[in-house]
């Protein structure tokens, strides 16, 4: 289970929104991961692993302002939200 402060930071930054007891990816997140995927495809990446554009998008936003451990937690939160939609956290 990710630390609560990671989820709260993603909510505060507009990447995640809460609906009752569920977290949903926000429009801002969809835009960020789409930009990341587009950039990676232009570089010739095959994108077989969803974690790659997720990590890219998060690194673009948080790379200079968070620890590696926190970034890993963010990837762990956002990957299932990106691939599967809403989930309880």
C-alpha atoms as a PDB file:
ATOM      1  CA  UNK A   1       0.000   0.000   0.000  1.00  0.00           C
ATOM      2  CA  UNK A   2       1.475   3.364  -0.968  1.00  0.00           C
ATOM      3  CA  UNK A   3       2.060   5.962   1.672  1.00  0.00           C
ATOM      4  CA  UNK A   4      -0.858   8.342   2.084  1.00  0.00           C
ATOM      5  CA  UNK A   5       1.299  11.439   1.498  1.00  0.00           C
ATOM      6  CA  UNK A   6       2.105  10.200  -2.035  1.00  0.00           C
ATOM      7  CA  UNK A   7      -1.576   9.902  -2.898  1.00  0.00           C
ATOM      8  CA  UNK A   8      -2.320  13.259  -1.299  1.00  0.00           C
ATOM      9  CA  UNK A   9       0.461  14.890  -3.332  1.00  0.00           C
ATOM     10  CA  UNK A  10      -0.919  13.412  -6.567  1.00  0.00           C
ATOM     11  CA  UNK A  11      -4.390  14.681  -5.625  1.00  0.00           C
ATOM     12  CA  UNK A  12      -3.065  18.147  -4.731  1.00  0.00           C
ATOM     13  CA  UNK A  13      -1.191  18.356  -8.043  1.00  0.00           C
ATOM     14  CA  UNK A  14      -4.277  17.425 -10.051  1.00  0.00           C
ATOM     15  CA  UNK A  15      -3.169  14.005 -11.316  1.00  0.00           C
ATOM     16  CA  UNK A  16      -5.652  12.067  -9.181  1.00  0.00           C
ATOM     17  CA  UNK A  17      -9.151  12.882  -8.050  1.00  0.00           C
ATOM     18  CA  UNK A  18     -11.094  11.213  -5.298  1.00  0.00           C
ATOM     19  CA  UNK A  19     -14.644  10.028  -5.776  1.00  0.00           C
ATOM     20  CA  UNK A  20     -16.029   8.542  -2.567  1.00  0.00           C
ATOM     21  CA  UNK A  21     -13.505   5.846  -1.569  1.00  0.00           C
ATOM     22  CA  UNK A  22     -11.949   5.583  -5.030  1.00  0.00           C
ATOM     23  CA  UNK A  23      -9.134   7.339  -6.806  1.00  0.00           C
ATOM     24  CA  UNK A  24      -9.492   8.192 -10.485  1.00  0.00           C
ATOM     25  CA  UNK A  25      -6.914   9.512 -12.917  1.00  0.00           C
ATOM     26  CA  UNK A  26      -7.683  13.160 -13.627  1.00  0.00           C
ATOM     27  CA  UNK A  27      -7.691  14.794 -17.057  1.00  0.00           C
ATOM     28  CA  UNK A  28      -4.366  16.405 -16.233  1.00  0.00           C
ATOM     29  CA  UNK A  29      -2.871  12.945 -15.740  1.00  0.00           C
ATOM     30  CA  UNK A  30      -4.255  11.636 -19.030  1.00  0.00           C
ATOM     31  CA  UNK A  31      -2.665  14.597 -20.815  1.00  0.00           C
ATOM     32  CA  UNK A  32       0.698  14.087 -19.083  1.00  0.00           C
ATOM     33  CA  UNK A  33       0.912  10.386 -19.862  1.00  0.00           C
ATOM     34  CA  UNK A  34      -0.217  10.963 -23.456  1.00  0.00           C
ATOM     35  CA  UNK A  35       2.568  13.520 -23.917  1.00  0.00           C
ATOM     36  CA  UNK A  36       5.053  11.086 -22.397  1.00  0.00           C
ATOM     37  CA  UNK A  37       3.931   8.235 -24.653  1.00  0.00           C
ATOM     38  CA  UNK A  38       4.099  10.478 -27.714  1.00  0.00           C
ATOM     39  CA  UNK A  39       7.638  11.584 -26.849  1.00  0.00           C
ATOM     40  CA  UNK A  40       8.761   8.014 -26.257  1.00  0.00           C
ATOM     41  CA  UNK A  41       7.216   6.790 -29.520  1.00  0.00           C
ATOM     42  CA  UNK A  42       8.966   9.572 -31.435  1.00  0.00           C
ATOM     43  CA  UNK A  43      12.223   8.329 -29.899  1.00  0.00           C
ATOM     44  CA  UNK A  44      11.544   4.844 -31.243  1.00  0.00           C
ATOM     45  CA  UNK A  45      10.424   3.157 -28.016  1.00  0.00           C
ATOM     46  CA  UNK A  46       7.997   0.258 -28.433  1.00  0.00           C
ATOM     47  CA  UNK A  47       6.133   0.925 -25.152  1.00  0.00           C
ATOM     48  CA  UNK A  48       5.445  -2.679 -24.236  1.00  0.00           C
ATOM     49  CA  UNK A  49       5.441  -1.781 -20.535  1.00  0.00           C
ATOM     50  CA  UNK A  50       2.923   0.790 -19.287  1.00  0.00           C
ATOM     51  CA  UNK A  51       5.288   1.763 -16.471  1.00  0.00           C
ATOM     52  CA  UNK A  52       7.624   3.449 -18.967  1.00  0.00           C
ATOM     53  CA  UNK A  53       5.331   6.342 -20.014  1.00  0.00           C
ATOM     54  CA  UNK A  54       3.969   6.539 -16.468  1.00  0.00           C
ATOM     55  CA  UNK A  55       7.472   6.905 -15.041  1.00  0.00           C
ATOM     56  CA  UNK A  56       8.399   9.378 -17.787  1.00  0.00           C
ATOM     57  CA  UNK A  57       5.375  11.585 -17.056  1.00  0.00           C
ATOM     58  CA  UNK A  58       6.031  11.538 -13.312  1.00  0.00           C
ATOM     59  CA  UNK A  59       9.725  12.241 -13.766  1.00  0.00           C
ATOM     60  CA  UNK A  60       8.896  15.214 -15.984  1.00  0.00           C
ATOM     61  CA  UNK A  61       6.802  16.676 -13.164  1.00  0.00           C
ATOM     62  CA  UNK A  62       8.579  15.505 -10.018  1.00  0.00           C
ATOM     63  CA  UNK A  63      12.117  14.593 -11.082  1.00  0.00           C
ATOM     64  CA  UNK A  64      13.805  17.486  -9.295  1.00  0.00           C
ATOM     65  CA  UNK A  65      11.484  17.699  -6.309  1.00  0.00           C
ATOM     66  CA  UNK A  66      11.111  14.167  -4.981  1.00  0.00           C
ATOM     67  CA  UNK A  67      13.197  11.228  -3.832  1.00  0.00           C
ATOM     68  CA  UNK A  68      13.657   8.093  -5.910  1.00  0.00           C
ATOM     69  CA  UNK A  69      11.665   6.132  -3.322  1.00  0.00           C
ATOM     70  CA  UNK A  70       8.722   8.508  -3.542  1.00  0.00           C
ATOM     71  CA  UNK A  71       8.865   8.439  -7.342  1.00  0.00           C
ATOM     72  CA  UNK A  72       8.713   4.625  -7.251  1.00  0.00           C
ATOM     73  CA  UNK A  73       5.632   4.854  -5.023  1.00  0.00           C
ATOM     74  CA  UNK A  74       4.023   7.300  -7.443  1.00  0.00           C
ATOM     75  CA  UNK A  75       4.651   4.909 -10.338  1.00  0.00           C
ATOM     76  CA  UNK A  76       3.090   2.125  -8.254  1.00  0.00           C
ATOM     77  CA  UNK A  77      -0.022   4.271  -7.698  1.00  0.00           C
ATOM     78  CA  UNK A  78      -0.408   5.670 -11.202  1.00  0.00           C
ATOM     79  CA  UNK A  79       0.304   2.559 -13.289  1.00  0.00           C
ATOM     80  CA  UNK A  80      -2.823   0.644 -12.261  1.00  0.00           C
ATOM     81  CA  UNK A  81      -4.925   3.813 -12.439  1.00  0.00           C
ATOM     82  CA  UNK A  82      -3.647   4.453 -15.955  1.00  0.00           C
ATOM     83  CA  UNK A  83      -4.183   0.901 -17.152  1.00  0.00           C
ATOM     84  CA  UNK A  84      -7.275  -0.200 -15.312  1.00  0.00           C
ATOM     85  CA  UNK A  85      -9.144   2.930 -14.306  1.00  0.00           C
ATOM     86  CA  UNK A  86     -10.672   3.552 -10.860  1.00  0.00           C
ATOM     87  CA  UNK A  87      -9.528   1.688  -7.800  1.00  0.00           C
ATOM     88  CA  UNK A  88      -9.797   1.987  -4.068  1.00  0.00           C
ATOM     89  CA  UNK A  89      -6.641   3.124  -2.300  1.00  0.00           C
END
